[in-house]
Amino acid sequence: MDWLTSEEIKAIGDFKKGVSHGLGENLKRLRLFGSKARGDYERESDLDVLVLVSERSYKIDRQITDVSADVMCEYLVRVSPFILTEEQYNMLKSLERRIIRDIEEEGVDL
């Protein structure tokens, strides 16, 4: 991912650190996907990140979006979390949803 800017790399690092700290063992996987992972982005493209968790609640979603907002304020880089439980992910995968195929084929683990 040589095409990511230094600010985007810092933003990803801070997002990963903040989410990992906030969720602990509930966090199962972080994976960059979408145009930034593929390298066919536009200037204003965001960083799409799968946040895979074992359990999900309003509080957990809020923690993740708060970290995303903090990162945006710090680096002016938009991180768009796509939050799923393992169960939701597996259900979408069994339904052969394109988003899951894209995440698996083009995504990059963080």
PDB file of N, CA and C in Angstrom:
ATOM      1  N   MET A   1       0.830  -1.189   0.000  1.00  0.00           N
ATOM      2  CA  MET A   1       0.000   0.000   0.000  1.00  0.00           C
ATOM      3  C   MET A   1       0.873   1.251   0.000  1.00  0.00           C
ATOM      4  N   ASP A   2       1.781   1.276  -0.932  1.00  0.00           N
ATOM      5  CA  ASP A   2       2.705   2.394  -1.048  1.00  0.00           C
ATOM      6  C   ASP A   2       2.002   3.708  -1.366  1.00  0.00           C
ATOM      7  N   TRP A   3       0.762   3.645  -1.811  1.00  0.00           N
ATOM      8  CA  TRP A   3       0.038   4.839  -2.226  1.00  0.00           C
ATOM      9  C   TRP A   3      -0.598   5.598  -1.058  1.00  0.00           C
ATOM     10  N   LEU A   4      -0.624   5.027   0.131  1.00  0.00           N
ATOM     11  CA  LEU A   4      -1.190   5.736   1.279  1.00  0.00           C
ATOM     12  C   LEU A   4      -0.263   6.872   1.700  1.00  0.00           C
ATOM     13  N   THR A   5      -0.866   8.005   2.067  1.00  0.00           N
ATOM     14  CA  THR A   5      -0.075   9.139   2.531  1.00  0.00           C
ATOM     15  C   THR A   5       0.411   8.882   3.954  1.00  0.00           C
ATOM     16  N   SER A   6       1.375   9.665   4.388  1.00  0.00           N
ATOM     17  CA  SER A   6       1.876   9.510   5.762  1.00  0.00           C
ATOM     18  C   SER A   6       0.768   9.796   6.769  1.00  0.00           C
ATOM     19  N   GLU A   7      -0.114  10.736   6.460  1.00  0.00           N
ATOM     20  CA  GLU A   7      -1.234  11.035   7.359  1.00  0.00           C
ATOM     21  C   GLU A   7      -2.207   9.864   7.425  1.00  0.00           C
ATOM     22  N   GLU A   8      -2.456   9.217   6.308  1.00  0.00           N
ATOM     23  CA  GLU A   8      -3.346   8.055   6.293  1.00  0.00           C
ATOM     24  C   GLU A   8      -2.741   6.898   7.079  1.00  0.00           C
ATOM     25  N   ILE A   9      -1.450   6.703   6.950  1.00  0.00           N
ATOM     26  CA  ILE A   9      -0.776   5.641   7.705  1.00  0.00           C
ATOM     27  C   ILE A   9      -0.862   5.919   9.203  1.00  0.00           C
ATOM     28  N   LYS A  10      -0.647   7.175   9.594  1.00  0.00           N
ATOM     29  CA  LYS A  10      -0.776   7.542  11.012  1.00  0.00           C
ATOM     30  C   LYS A  10      -2.215   7.368  11.486  1.00  0.00           C
ATOM     31  N   ALA A  11      -3.163   7.772  10.644  1.00  0.00           N
ATOM     32  CA  ALA A  11      -4.582   7.652  11.004  1.00  0.00           C
ATOM     33  C   ALA A  11      -4.963   6.192  11.222  1.00  0.00           C
ATOM     34  N   ILE A  12      -4.513   5.320  10.338  1.00  0.00           N
ATOM     35  CA  ILE A  12      -4.793   3.887  10.487  1.00  0.00           C
ATOM     36  C   ILE A  12      -4.175   3.365  11.781  1.00  0.00           C
ATOM     37  N   GLY A  13      -2.944   3.771  12.052  1.00  0.00           N
ATOM     38  CA  GLY A  13      -2.273   3.328  13.278  1.00  0.00           C
ATOM     39  C   GLY A  13      -3.007   3.769  14.526  1.00  0.00           C
ATOM     40  N   ASP A  14      -3.437   5.036  14.554  1.00  0.00           N
ATOM     41  CA  ASP A  14      -4.169   5.534  15.719  1.00  0.00           C
ATOM     42  C   ASP A  14      -5.543   4.888  15.842  1.00  0.00           C
ATOM     43  N   PHE A  15      -6.203   4.659  14.709  1.00  0.00           N
ATOM     44  CA  PHE A  15      -7.503   3.994  14.741  1.00  0.00           C
ATOM     45  C   PHE A  15      -7.346   2.584  15.305  1.00  0.00           C
ATOM     46  N   LYS A  16      -6.364   1.867  14.804  1.00  0.00           N
ATOM     47  CA  LYS A  16      -6.116   0.501  15.278  1.00  0.00           C
ATOM     48  C   LYS A  16      -5.808   0.495  16.772  1.00  0.00           C
ATOM     49  N   LYS A  17      -4.948   1.390  17.202  1.00  0.00           N
ATOM     50  CA  LYS A  17      -4.572   1.462  18.614  1.00  0.00           C
ATOM     51  C   LYS A  17      -5.784   1.796  19.488  1.00  0.00           C
ATOM     52  N   GLY A  18      -6.568   2.787  19.080  1.00  0.00           N
ATOM     53  CA  GLY A  18      -7.730   3.202  19.863  1.00  0.00           C
ATOM     54  C   GLY A  18      -8.791   2.126  19.956  1.00  0.00           C
ATOM     55  N   VAL A  19      -9.075   1.474  18.838  1.00  0.00           N
ATOM     56  CA  VAL A  19     -10.096   0.422  18.829  1.00  0.00           C
ATOM     57  C   VAL A  19      -9.607  -0.791  19.612  1.00  0.00           C
ATOM     58  N   SER A  20      -8.350  -1.158  19.419  1.00  0.00           N
ATOM     59  CA  SER A  20      -7.792  -2.306  20.149  1.00  0.00           C
ATOM     60  C   SER A  20      -7.833  -2.071  21.653  1.00  0.00           C
ATOM     61  N   HIS A  21      -7.463  -0.874  22.054  1.00  0.00           N
ATOM     62  CA  HIS A  21      -7.468  -0.537  23.481  1.00  0.00           C
ATOM     63  C   HIS A  21      -8.893  -0.557  24.040  1.00  0.00           C
ATOM     64  N   GLY A  22      -9.831   0.007  23.303  1.00  0.00           N
ATOM     65  CA  GLY A  22     -11.206   0.104  23.783  1.00  0.00           C
ATOM     66  C   GLY A  22     -11.955  -1.214  23.811  1.00  0.00           C
ATOM     67  N   LEU A  23     -11.658  -2.085  22.863  1.00  0.00           N
ATOM     68  CA  LEU A  23     -12.427  -3.327  22.740  1.00  0.00           C
ATOM     69  C   LEU A  23     -11.745  -4.548  23.333  1.00  0.00           C
ATOM     70  N   GLY A  24     -10.448  -4.510  23.452  1.00  0.00           N
ATOM     71  CA  GLY A  24      -9.728  -5.651  24.018  1.00  0.00           C
ATOM     72  C   GLY A  24      -9.968  -6.917  23.224  1.00  0.00           C
ATOM     73  N   GLU A  25     -10.274  -7.991  23.927  1.00  0.00           N
ATOM     74  CA  GLU A  25     -10.447  -9.299  23.280  1.00  0.00           C
ATOM     75  C   GLU A  25     -11.727  -9.406  22.461  1.00  0.00           C
ATOM     76  N   ASN A  26     -12.631  -8.435  22.603  1.00  0.00           N
ATOM     77  CA  ASN A  26     -13.841  -8.420  21.781  1.00  0.00           C
ATOM     78  C   ASN A  26     -13.501  -8.146  20.313  1.00  0.00           C
ATOM     79  N   LEU A  27     -12.391  -7.467  20.071  1.00  0.00           N
ATOM     80  CA  LEU A  27     -11.959  -7.184  18.699  1.00  0.00           C
ATOM     81  C   LEU A  27     -11.322  -8.434  18.101  1.00  0.00           C
ATOM     82  N   LYS A  28     -11.845  -8.863  16.975  1.00  0.00           N
ATOM     83  CA  LYS A  28     -11.340 -10.072  16.326  1.00  0.00           C
ATOM     84  C   LYS A  28     -10.499  -9.771  15.093  1.00  0.00           C
ATOM     85  N   ARG A  29     -10.812  -8.678  14.396  1.00  0.00           N
ATOM     86  CA  ARG A  29     -10.078  -8.395  13.158  1.00  0.00           C
ATOM     87  C   ARG A  29     -10.323  -6.968  12.705  1.00  0.00           C
ATOM     88  N   LEU A  30      -9.284  -6.350  12.163  1.00  0.00           N
ATOM     89  CA  LEU A  30      -9.380  -5.067  11.473  1.00  0.00           C
ATOM     90  C   LEU A  30      -8.830  -5.286  10.074  1.00  0.00           C
ATOM     91  N   ARG A  31      -9.584  -4.844   9.072  1.00  0.00           N
ATOM     92  CA  ARG A  31      -9.148  -5.083   7.690  1.00  0.00           C
ATOM     93  C   ARG A  31      -9.530  -3.890   6.821  1.00  0.00           C
ATOM     94  N   LEU A  32      -8.540  -3.278   6.202  1.00  0.00           N
ATOM     95  CA  LEU A  32      -8.765  -2.195   5.250  1.00  0.00           C
ATOM     96  C   LEU A  32      -9.295  -2.798   3.959  1.00  0.00           C
ATOM     97  N   PHE A  33     -10.349  -2.191   3.404  1.00  0.00           N
ATOM     98  CA  PHE A  33     -10.888  -2.671   2.134  1.00  0.00           C
ATOM     99  C   PHE A  33     -11.356  -1.470   1.322  1.00  0.00           C
ATOM    100  N   GLY A  34     -11.856  -1.721   0.152  1.00  0.00           N
ATOM    101  CA  GLY A  34     -12.338  -0.635  -0.692  1.00  0.00           C
ATOM    102  C   GLY A  34     -11.233  -0.029  -1.546  1.00  0.00           C
ATOM    103  N   SER A  35     -11.504   1.165  -2.042  1.00  0.00           N
ATOM    104  CA  SER A  35     -10.607   1.785  -3.020  1.00  0.00           C
ATOM    105  C   SER A  35      -9.204   2.025  -2.484  1.00  0.00           C
ATOM    106  N   LYS A  36      -9.074   2.346  -1.206  1.00  0.00           N
ATOM    107  CA  LYS A  36      -7.736   2.583  -0.644  1.00  0.00           C
ATOM    108  C   LYS A  36      -6.934   1.291  -0.540  1.00  0.00           C
ATOM    109  N   ALA A  37      -7.598   0.176  -0.316  1.00  0.00           N
ATOM    110  CA  ALA A  37      -6.896  -1.111  -0.276  1.00  0.00           C
ATOM    111  C   ALA A  37      -6.507  -1.557  -1.682  1.00  0.00           C
ATOM    112  N   ARG A  38      -7.375  -1.253  -2.642  1.00  0.00           N
ATOM    113  CA  ARG A  38      -7.114  -1.652  -4.029  1.00  0.00           C
ATOM    114  C   ARG A  38      -6.117  -0.730  -4.720  1.00  0.00           C
ATOM    115  N   GLY A  39      -6.088   0.532  -4.298  1.00  0.00           N
ATOM    116  CA  GLY A  39      -5.206   1.504  -4.938  1.00  0.00           C
ATOM    117  C   GLY A  39      -5.855   2.268  -6.070  1.00  0.00           C
ATOM    118  N   ASP A  40      -7.175   2.159  -6.215  1.00  0.00           N
ATOM    119  CA  ASP A  40      -7.865   2.889  -7.287  1.00  0.00           C
ATOM    120  C   ASP A  40      -8.785   3.975  -6.718  1.00  0.00           C
ATOM    121  N   TYR A  41      -8.286   4.688  -5.748  1.00  0.00           N
ATOM    122  CA  TYR A  41      -9.042   5.691  -5.011  1.00  0.00           C
ATOM    123  C   TYR A  41      -9.004   7.048  -5.710  1.00  0.00           C
ATOM    124  N   GLU A  42      -9.877   7.935  -5.215  1.00  0.00           N
ATOM    125  CA  GLU A  42      -9.871   9.337  -5.636  1.00  0.00           C
ATOM    126  C   GLU A  42      -9.381  10.169  -4.466  1.00  0.00           C
ATOM    127  N   ARG A  43      -9.121  11.427  -4.719  1.00  0.00           N
ATOM    128  CA  ARG A  43      -8.519  12.296  -3.707  1.00  0.00           C
ATOM    129  C   ARG A  43      -9.305  12.315  -2.394  1.00  0.00           C
ATOM    130  N   GLU A  44     -10.598  12.302  -2.473  1.00  0.00           N
ATOM    131  CA  GLU A  44     -11.438  12.405  -1.276  1.00  0.00           C
ATOM    132  C   GLU A  44     -11.909  11.054  -0.736  1.00  0.00           C
ATOM    133  N   SER A  45     -11.351   9.969  -1.216  1.00  0.00           N
ATOM    134  CA  SER A  45     -11.767   8.636  -0.755  1.00  0.00           C
ATOM    135  C   SER A  45     -11.460   8.447   0.728  1.00  0.00           C
ATOM    136  N   ASP A  46     -12.336   7.713   1.389  1.00  0.00           N
ATOM    137  CA  ASP A  46     -12.136   7.420   2.806  1.00  0.00           C
ATOM    138  C   ASP A  46     -11.400   6.095   2.964  1.00  0.00           C
ATOM    139  N   LEU A  47     -11.092   5.780   4.199  1.00  0.00           N
ATOM    140  CA  LEU A  47     -10.460   4.508   4.543  1.00  0.00           C
ATOM    141  C   LEU A  47     -11.549   3.598   5.105  1.00  0.00           C
ATOM    142  N   ASP A  48     -11.977   2.633   4.317  1.00  0.00           N
ATOM    143  CA  ASP A  48     -12.996   1.682   4.758  1.00  0.00           C
ATOM    144  C   ASP A  48     -12.317   0.590   5.570  1.00  0.00           C
ATOM    145  N   VAL A  49     -12.799   0.393   6.796  1.00  0.00           N
ATOM    146  CA  VAL A  49     -12.176  -0.595   7.676  1.00  0.00           C
ATOM    147  C   VAL A  49     -13.244  -1.519   8.261  1.00  0.00           C
ATOM    148  N   LEU A  50     -13.093  -2.817   7.994  1.00  0.00           N
ATOM    149  CA  LEU A  50     -13.927  -3.811   8.656  1.00  0.00           C
ATOM    150  C   LEU A  50     -13.467  -3.903  10.104  1.00  0.00           C
ATOM    151  N   VAL A  51     -14.417  -3.775  11.022  1.00  0.00           N
ATOM    152  CA  VAL A  51     -14.146  -3.984  12.444  1.00  0.00           C
ATOM    153  C   VAL A  51     -14.981  -5.199  12.844  1.00  0.00           C
ATOM    154  N   LEU A  52     -14.314  -6.322  12.983  1.00  0.00           N
ATOM    155  CA  LEU A  52     -14.994  -7.575  13.310  1.00  0.00           C
ATOM    156  C   LEU A  52     -14.908  -7.801  14.813  1.00  0.00           C
ATOM    157  N   VAL A  53     -16.070  -7.971  15.433  1.00  0.00           N
ATOM    158  CA  VAL A  53     -16.136  -8.127  16.886  1.00  0.00           C
ATOM    159  C   VAL A  53     -16.904  -9.399  17.237  1.00  0.00           C
ATOM    160  N   SER A  54     -16.655  -9.906  18.435  1.00  0.00           N
ATOM    161  CA  SER A  54     -17.412 -11.080  18.861  1.00  0.00           C
ATOM    162  C   SER A  54     -18.789 -10.673  19.375  1.00  0.00           C
ATOM    163  N   GLU A  55     -18.875  -9.525  20.035  1.00  0.00           N
ATOM    164  CA  GLU A  55     -20.155  -9.013  20.533  1.00  0.00           C
ATOM    165  C   GLU A  55     -20.304  -7.566  20.106  1.00  0.00           C
ATOM    166  N   ARG A  56     -21.553  -7.159  19.854  1.00  0.00           N
ATOM    167  CA  ARG A  56     -21.819  -5.801  19.389  1.00  0.00           C
ATOM    168  C   ARG A  56     -22.953  -5.201  20.206  1.00  0.00           C
ATOM    169  N   SER A  57     -22.814  -3.924  20.514  1.00  0.00           N
ATOM    170  CA  SER A  57     -23.843  -3.185  21.236  1.00  0.00           C
ATOM    171  C   SER A  57     -23.733  -1.717  20.835  1.00  0.00           C
ATOM    172  N   TYR A  58     -24.690  -0.931  21.281  1.00  0.00           N
ATOM    173  CA  TYR A  58     -24.629   0.505  21.014  1.00  0.00           C
ATOM    174  C   TYR A  58     -23.346   1.092  21.592  1.00  0.00           C
ATOM    175  N   LYS A  59     -22.987   0.674  22.794  1.00  0.00           N
ATOM    176  CA  LYS A  59     -21.783   1.188  23.451  1.00  0.00           C
ATOM    177  C   LYS A  59     -20.529   0.869  22.630  1.00  0.00           C
ATOM    178  N   ILE A  60     -20.451  -0.338  22.123  1.00  0.00           N
ATOM    179  CA  ILE A  60     -19.294  -0.743  21.317  1.00  0.00           C
ATOM    180  C   ILE A  60     -19.249   0.055  20.017  1.00  0.00           C
ATOM    181  N   ASP A  61     -20.394   0.169  19.345  1.00  0.00           N
ATOM    182  CA  ASP A  61     -20.440   0.963  18.114  1.00  0.00           C
ATOM    183  C   ASP A  61     -20.013   2.401  18.388  1.00  0.00           C
ATOM    184  N   ARG A  62     -20.470   2.942  19.499  1.00  0.00           N
ATOM    185  CA  ARG A  62     -20.129   4.324  19.860  1.00  0.00           C
ATOM    186  C   ARG A  62     -18.634   4.470  20.118  1.00  0.00           C
ATOM    187  N   GLN A  63     -18.038   3.514  20.808  1.00  0.00           N
ATOM    188  CA  GLN A  63     -16.588   3.557  21.053  1.00  0.00           C
ATOM    189  C   GLN A  63     -15.823   3.614  19.735  1.00  0.00           C
ATOM    190  N   ILE A  64     -16.225   2.786  18.805  1.00  0.00           N
ATOM    191  CA  ILE A  64     -15.537   2.714  17.514  1.00  0.00           C
ATOM    192  C   ILE A  64     -15.714   4.012  16.735  1.00  0.00           C
ATOM    193  N   THR A  65     -16.928   4.527  16.687  1.00  0.00           N
ATOM    194  CA  THR A  65     -17.155   5.769  15.941  1.00  0.00           C
ATOM    195  C   THR A  65     -16.491   6.957  16.622  1.00  0.00           C
ATOM    196  N   ASP A  66     -16.383   6.934  17.938  1.00  0.00           N
ATOM    197  CA  ASP A  66     -15.653   8.000  18.636  1.00  0.00           C
ATOM    198  C   ASP A  66     -14.176   7.990  18.254  1.00  0.00           C
ATOM    199  N   VAL A  67     -13.585   6.813  18.173  1.00  0.00           N
ATOM    200  CA  VAL A  67     -12.181   6.708  17.750  1.00  0.00           C
ATOM    201  C   VAL A  67     -12.042   7.230  16.322  1.00  0.00           C
ATOM    202  N   SER A  68     -12.970   6.860  15.457  1.00  0.00           N
ATOM    203  CA  SER A  68     -12.949   7.318  14.069  1.00  0.00           C
ATOM    204  C   SER A  68     -13.033   8.844  13.999  1.00  0.00           C
ATOM    205  N   ALA A  69     -13.903   9.437  14.805  1.00  0.00           N
ATOM    206  CA  ALA A  69     -14.042  10.897  14.829  1.00  0.00           C
ATOM    207  C   ALA A  69     -12.771  11.563  15.343  1.00  0.00           C
ATOM    208  N   ASP A  70     -12.169  10.999  16.373  1.00  0.00           N
ATOM    209  CA  ASP A  70     -10.911  11.544  16.903  1.00  0.00           C
ATOM    210  C   ASP A  70      -9.818  11.519  15.843  1.00  0.00           C
ATOM    211  N   VAL A  71      -9.741  10.431  15.105  1.00  0.00           N
ATOM    212  CA  VAL A  71      -8.738  10.297  14.042  1.00  0.00           C
ATOM    213  C   VAL A  71      -8.982  11.343  12.956  1.00  0.00           C
ATOM    214  N   MET A  72     -10.237  11.551  12.602  1.00  0.00           N
ATOM    215  CA  MET A  72     -10.547  12.545  11.574  1.00  0.00           C
ATOM    216  C   MET A  72     -10.140  13.940  12.019  1.00  0.00           C
ATOM    217  N   CYS A  73     -10.421  14.263  13.271  1.00  0.00           N
ATOM    218  CA  CYS A  73     -10.041  15.583  13.795  1.00  0.00           C
ATOM    219  C   CYS A  73      -8.529  15.758  13.833  1.00  0.00           C
ATOM    220  N   GLU A  74      -7.816  14.708  14.156  1.00  0.00           N
ATOM    221  CA  GLU A  74      -6.356  14.779  14.280  1.00  0.00           C
ATOM    222  C   GLU A  74      -5.653  14.849  12.925  1.00  0.00           C
ATOM    223  N   TYR A  75      -6.095  14.033  11.972  1.00  0.00           N
ATOM    224  CA  TYR A  75      -5.364  13.891  10.709  1.00  0.00           C
ATOM    225  C   TYR A  75      -6.122  14.376   9.477  1.00  0.00           C
ATOM    226  N   LEU A  76      -7.393  14.760   9.654  1.00  0.00           N
ATOM    227  CA  LEU A  76      -8.248  15.132   8.522  1.00  0.00           C
ATOM    228  C   LEU A  76      -8.343  13.992   7.506  1.00  0.00           C
ATOM    229  N   VAL A  77      -8.376  12.789   8.037  1.00  0.00           N
ATOM    230  CA  VAL A  77      -8.517  11.565   7.246  1.00  0.00           C
ATOM    231  C   VAL A  77      -9.760  10.850   7.757  1.00  0.00           C
ATOM    232  N   ARG A  78     -10.674  10.528   6.843  1.00  0.00           N
ATOM    233  CA  ARG A  78     -11.922   9.881   7.254  1.00  0.00           C
ATOM    234  C   ARG A  78     -11.759   8.361   7.259  1.00  0.00           C
ATOM    235  N   VAL A  79     -11.922   7.772   8.436  1.00  0.00           N
ATOM    236  CA  VAL A  79     -11.945   6.317   8.588  1.00  0.00           C
ATOM    237  C   VAL A  79     -13.411   5.917   8.749  1.00  0.00           C
ATOM    238  N   SER A  80     -13.889   5.074   7.851  1.00  0.00           N
ATOM    239  CA  SER A  80     -15.283   4.632   7.880  1.00  0.00           C
ATOM    240  C   SER A  80     -15.348   3.185   8.357  1.00  0.00           C
ATOM    241  N   PRO A  81     -15.671   2.989   9.640  1.00  0.00           N
ATOM    242  CA  PRO A  81     -15.733   1.622  10.158  1.00  0.00           C
ATOM    243  C   PRO A  81     -16.986   0.889   9.677  1.00  0.00           C
ATOM    244  N   PHE A  82     -16.803  -0.355   9.279  1.00  0.00           N
ATOM    245  CA  PHE A  82     -17.888  -1.257   8.909  1.00  0.00           C
ATOM    246  C   PHE A  82     -17.886  -2.333   9.984  1.00  0.00           C
ATOM    247  N   ILE A  83     -18.788  -2.198  10.952  1.00  0.00           N
ATOM    248  CA  ILE A  83     -18.770  -3.018  12.158  1.00  0.00           C
ATOM    249  C   ILE A  83     -19.691  -4.220  11.983  1.00  0.00           C
ATOM    250  N   LEU A  84     -19.128  -5.397  12.187  1.00  0.00           N
ATOM    251  CA  LEU A  84     -19.899  -6.636  12.113  1.00  0.00           C
ATOM    252  C   LEU A  84     -19.461  -7.578  13.222  1.00  0.00           C
ATOM    253  N   THR A  85     -20.412  -8.370  13.701  1.00  0.00           N
ATOM    254  CA  THR A  85     -20.034  -9.482  14.572  1.00  0.00           C
ATOM    255  C   THR A  85     -19.563 -10.622  13.676  1.00  0.00           C
ATOM    256  N   GLU A  86     -18.886 -11.580  14.281  1.00  0.00           N
ATOM    257  CA  GLU A  86     -18.466 -12.758  13.516  1.00  0.00           C
ATOM    258  C   GLU A  86     -19.684 -13.470  12.925  1.00  0.00           C
ATOM    259  N   GLU A  87     -20.759 -13.507  13.690  1.00  0.00           N
ATOM    260  CA  GLU A  87     -21.981 -14.158  13.216  1.00  0.00           C
ATOM    261  C   GLU A  87     -22.554 -13.430  12.000  1.00  0.00           C
ATOM    262  N   GLN A  88     -22.611 -12.099  12.061  1.00  0.00           N
ATOM    263  CA  GLN A  88     -23.114 -11.322  10.927  1.00  0.00           C
ATOM    264  C   GLN A  88     -22.229 -11.517   9.693  1.00  0.00           C
ATOM    265  N   TYR A  89     -20.933 -11.497   9.916  1.00  0.00           N
ATOM    266  CA  TYR A  89     -19.975 -11.675   8.820  1.00  0.00           C
ATOM    267  C   TYR A  89     -20.192 -13.024   8.142  1.00  0.00           C
ATOM    268  N   ASN A  90     -20.292 -14.071   8.944  1.00  0.00           N
ATOM    269  CA  ASN A  90     -20.475 -15.419   8.394  1.00  0.00           C
ATOM    270  C   ASN A  90     -21.809 -15.568   7.670  1.00  0.00           C
ATOM    271  N   MET A  91     -22.850 -14.900   8.175  1.00  0.00           N
ATOM    272  CA  MET A  91     -24.143 -14.945   7.510  1.00  0.00           C
ATOM    273  C   MET A  91     -24.051 -14.272   6.137  1.00  0.00           C
ATOM    274  N   LEU A  92     -23.437 -13.075   6.094  1.00  0.00           N
ATOM    275  CA  LEU A  92     -23.282 -12.371   4.820  1.00  0.00           C
ATOM    276  C   LEU A  92     -22.410 -13.168   3.849  1.00  0.00           C
ATOM    277  N   LYS A  93     -21.408 -13.832   4.389  1.00  0.00           N
ATOM    278  CA  LYS A  93     -20.546 -14.670   3.549  1.00  0.00           C
ATOM    279  C   LYS A  93     -21.338 -15.835   2.967  1.00  0.00           C
ATOM    280  N   SER A  94     -22.174 -16.467   3.786  1.00  0.00           N
ATOM    281  CA  SER A  94     -22.970 -17.603   3.300  1.00  0.00           C
ATOM    282  C   SER A  94     -23.986 -17.160   2.242  1.00  0.00           C
ATOM    283  N   LEU A  95     -24.395 -15.898   2.306  1.00  0.00           N
ATOM    284  CA  LEU A  95     -25.318 -15.347   1.311  1.00  0.00           C
ATOM    285  C   LEU A  95     -24.584 -14.819   0.077  1.00  0.00           C
ATOM    286  N   GLU A  96     -23.261 -14.974   0.093  1.00  0.00           N
ATOM    287  CA  GLU A  96     -22.390 -14.558  -1.010  1.00  0.00           C
ATOM    288  C   GLU A  96     -22.529 -13.074  -1.339  1.00  0.00           C
ATOM    289  N   ARG A  97     -22.580 -12.262  -0.296  1.00  0.00           N
ATOM    290  CA  ARG A  97     -22.674 -10.816  -0.490  1.00  0.00           C
ATOM    291  C   ARG A  97     -21.363 -10.270  -1.038  1.00  0.00           C
ATOM    292  N   ARG A  98     -21.483  -9.369  -1.973  1.00  0.00           N
ATOM    293  CA  ARG A  98     -20.301  -8.822  -2.639  1.00  0.00           C
ATOM    294  C   ARG A  98     -19.361  -8.128  -1.667  1.00  0.00           C
ATOM    295  N   ILE A  99     -19.898  -7.415  -0.706  1.00  0.00           N
ATOM    296  CA  ILE A  99     -19.037  -6.682   0.232  1.00  0.00           C
ATOM    297  C   ILE A  99     -18.074  -7.627   0.939  1.00  0.00           C
ATOM    298  N   ILE A 100     -18.547  -8.803   1.311  1.00  0.00           N
ATOM    299  CA  ILE A 100     -17.682  -9.770   1.995  1.00  0.00           C
ATOM    300  C   ILE A 100     -16.645 -10.325   1.025  1.00  0.00           C
ATOM    301  N   ARG A 101     -17.055 -10.594  -0.181  1.00  0.00           N
ATOM    302  CA  ARG A 101     -16.110 -11.066  -1.198  1.00  0.00           C
ATOM    303  C   ARG A 101     -15.017 -10.017  -1.434  1.00  0.00           C
ATOM    304  N   ASP A 102     -15.409  -8.745  -1.524  1.00  0.00           N
ATOM    305  CA  ASP A 102     -14.428  -7.666  -1.709  1.00  0.00           C
ATOM    306  C   ASP A 102     -13.472  -7.580  -0.524  1.00  0.00           C
ATOM    307  N   ILE A 103     -14.020  -7.680   0.681  1.00  0.00           N
ATOM    308  CA  ILE A 103     -13.183  -7.621   1.888  1.00  0.00           C
ATOM    309  C   ILE A 103     -12.164  -8.753   1.873  1.00  0.00           C
ATOM    310  N   GLU A 104     -12.606  -9.943   1.518  1.00  0.00           N
ATOM    311  CA  GLU A 104     -11.710 -11.100   1.534  1.00  0.00           C
ATOM    312  C   GLU A 104     -10.696 -11.081   0.394  1.00  0.00           C
ATOM    313  N   GLU A 105     -11.126 -10.673  -0.784  1.00  0.00           N
ATOM    314  CA  GLU A 105     -10.246 -10.734  -1.953  1.00  0.00           C
ATOM    315  C   GLU A 105      -9.302  -9.539  -2.052  1.00  0.00           C
ATOM    316  N   GLU A 106      -9.769  -8.356  -1.669  1.00  0.00           N
ATOM    317  CA  GLU A 106      -8.985  -7.138  -1.878  1.00  0.00           C
ATOM    318  C   GLU A 106      -8.487  -6.498  -0.591  1.00  0.00           C
ATOM    319  N   GLY A 107      -9.013  -6.953   0.525  1.00  0.00           N
ATOM    320  CA  GLY A 107      -8.686  -6.324   1.798  1.00  0.00           C
ATOM    321  C   GLY A 107      -7.284  -6.635   2.290  1.00  0.00           C
ATOM    322  N   VAL A 108      -6.857  -5.797   3.240  1.00  0.00           N
ATOM    323  CA  VAL A 108      -5.532  -5.928   3.845  1.00  0.00           C
ATOM    324  C   VAL A 108      -5.705  -5.893   5.360  1.00  0.00           C
ATOM    325  N   ASP A 109      -5.237  -6.935   6.044  1.00  0.00           N
ATOM    326  CA  ASP A 109      -5.322  -6.957   7.505  1.00  0.00           C
ATOM    327  C   ASP A 109      -4.482  -5.838   8.098  1.00  0.00           C
ATOM    328  N   LEU A 110      -5.011  -5.245   9.158  1.00  0.00           N
ATOM    329  CA  LEU A 110      -4.296  -4.162   9.846  1.00  0.00           C
ATOM    330  C   LEU A 110      -3.734  -4.666  11.160  1.00  0.00           C
TER     331      LEU A 110
END
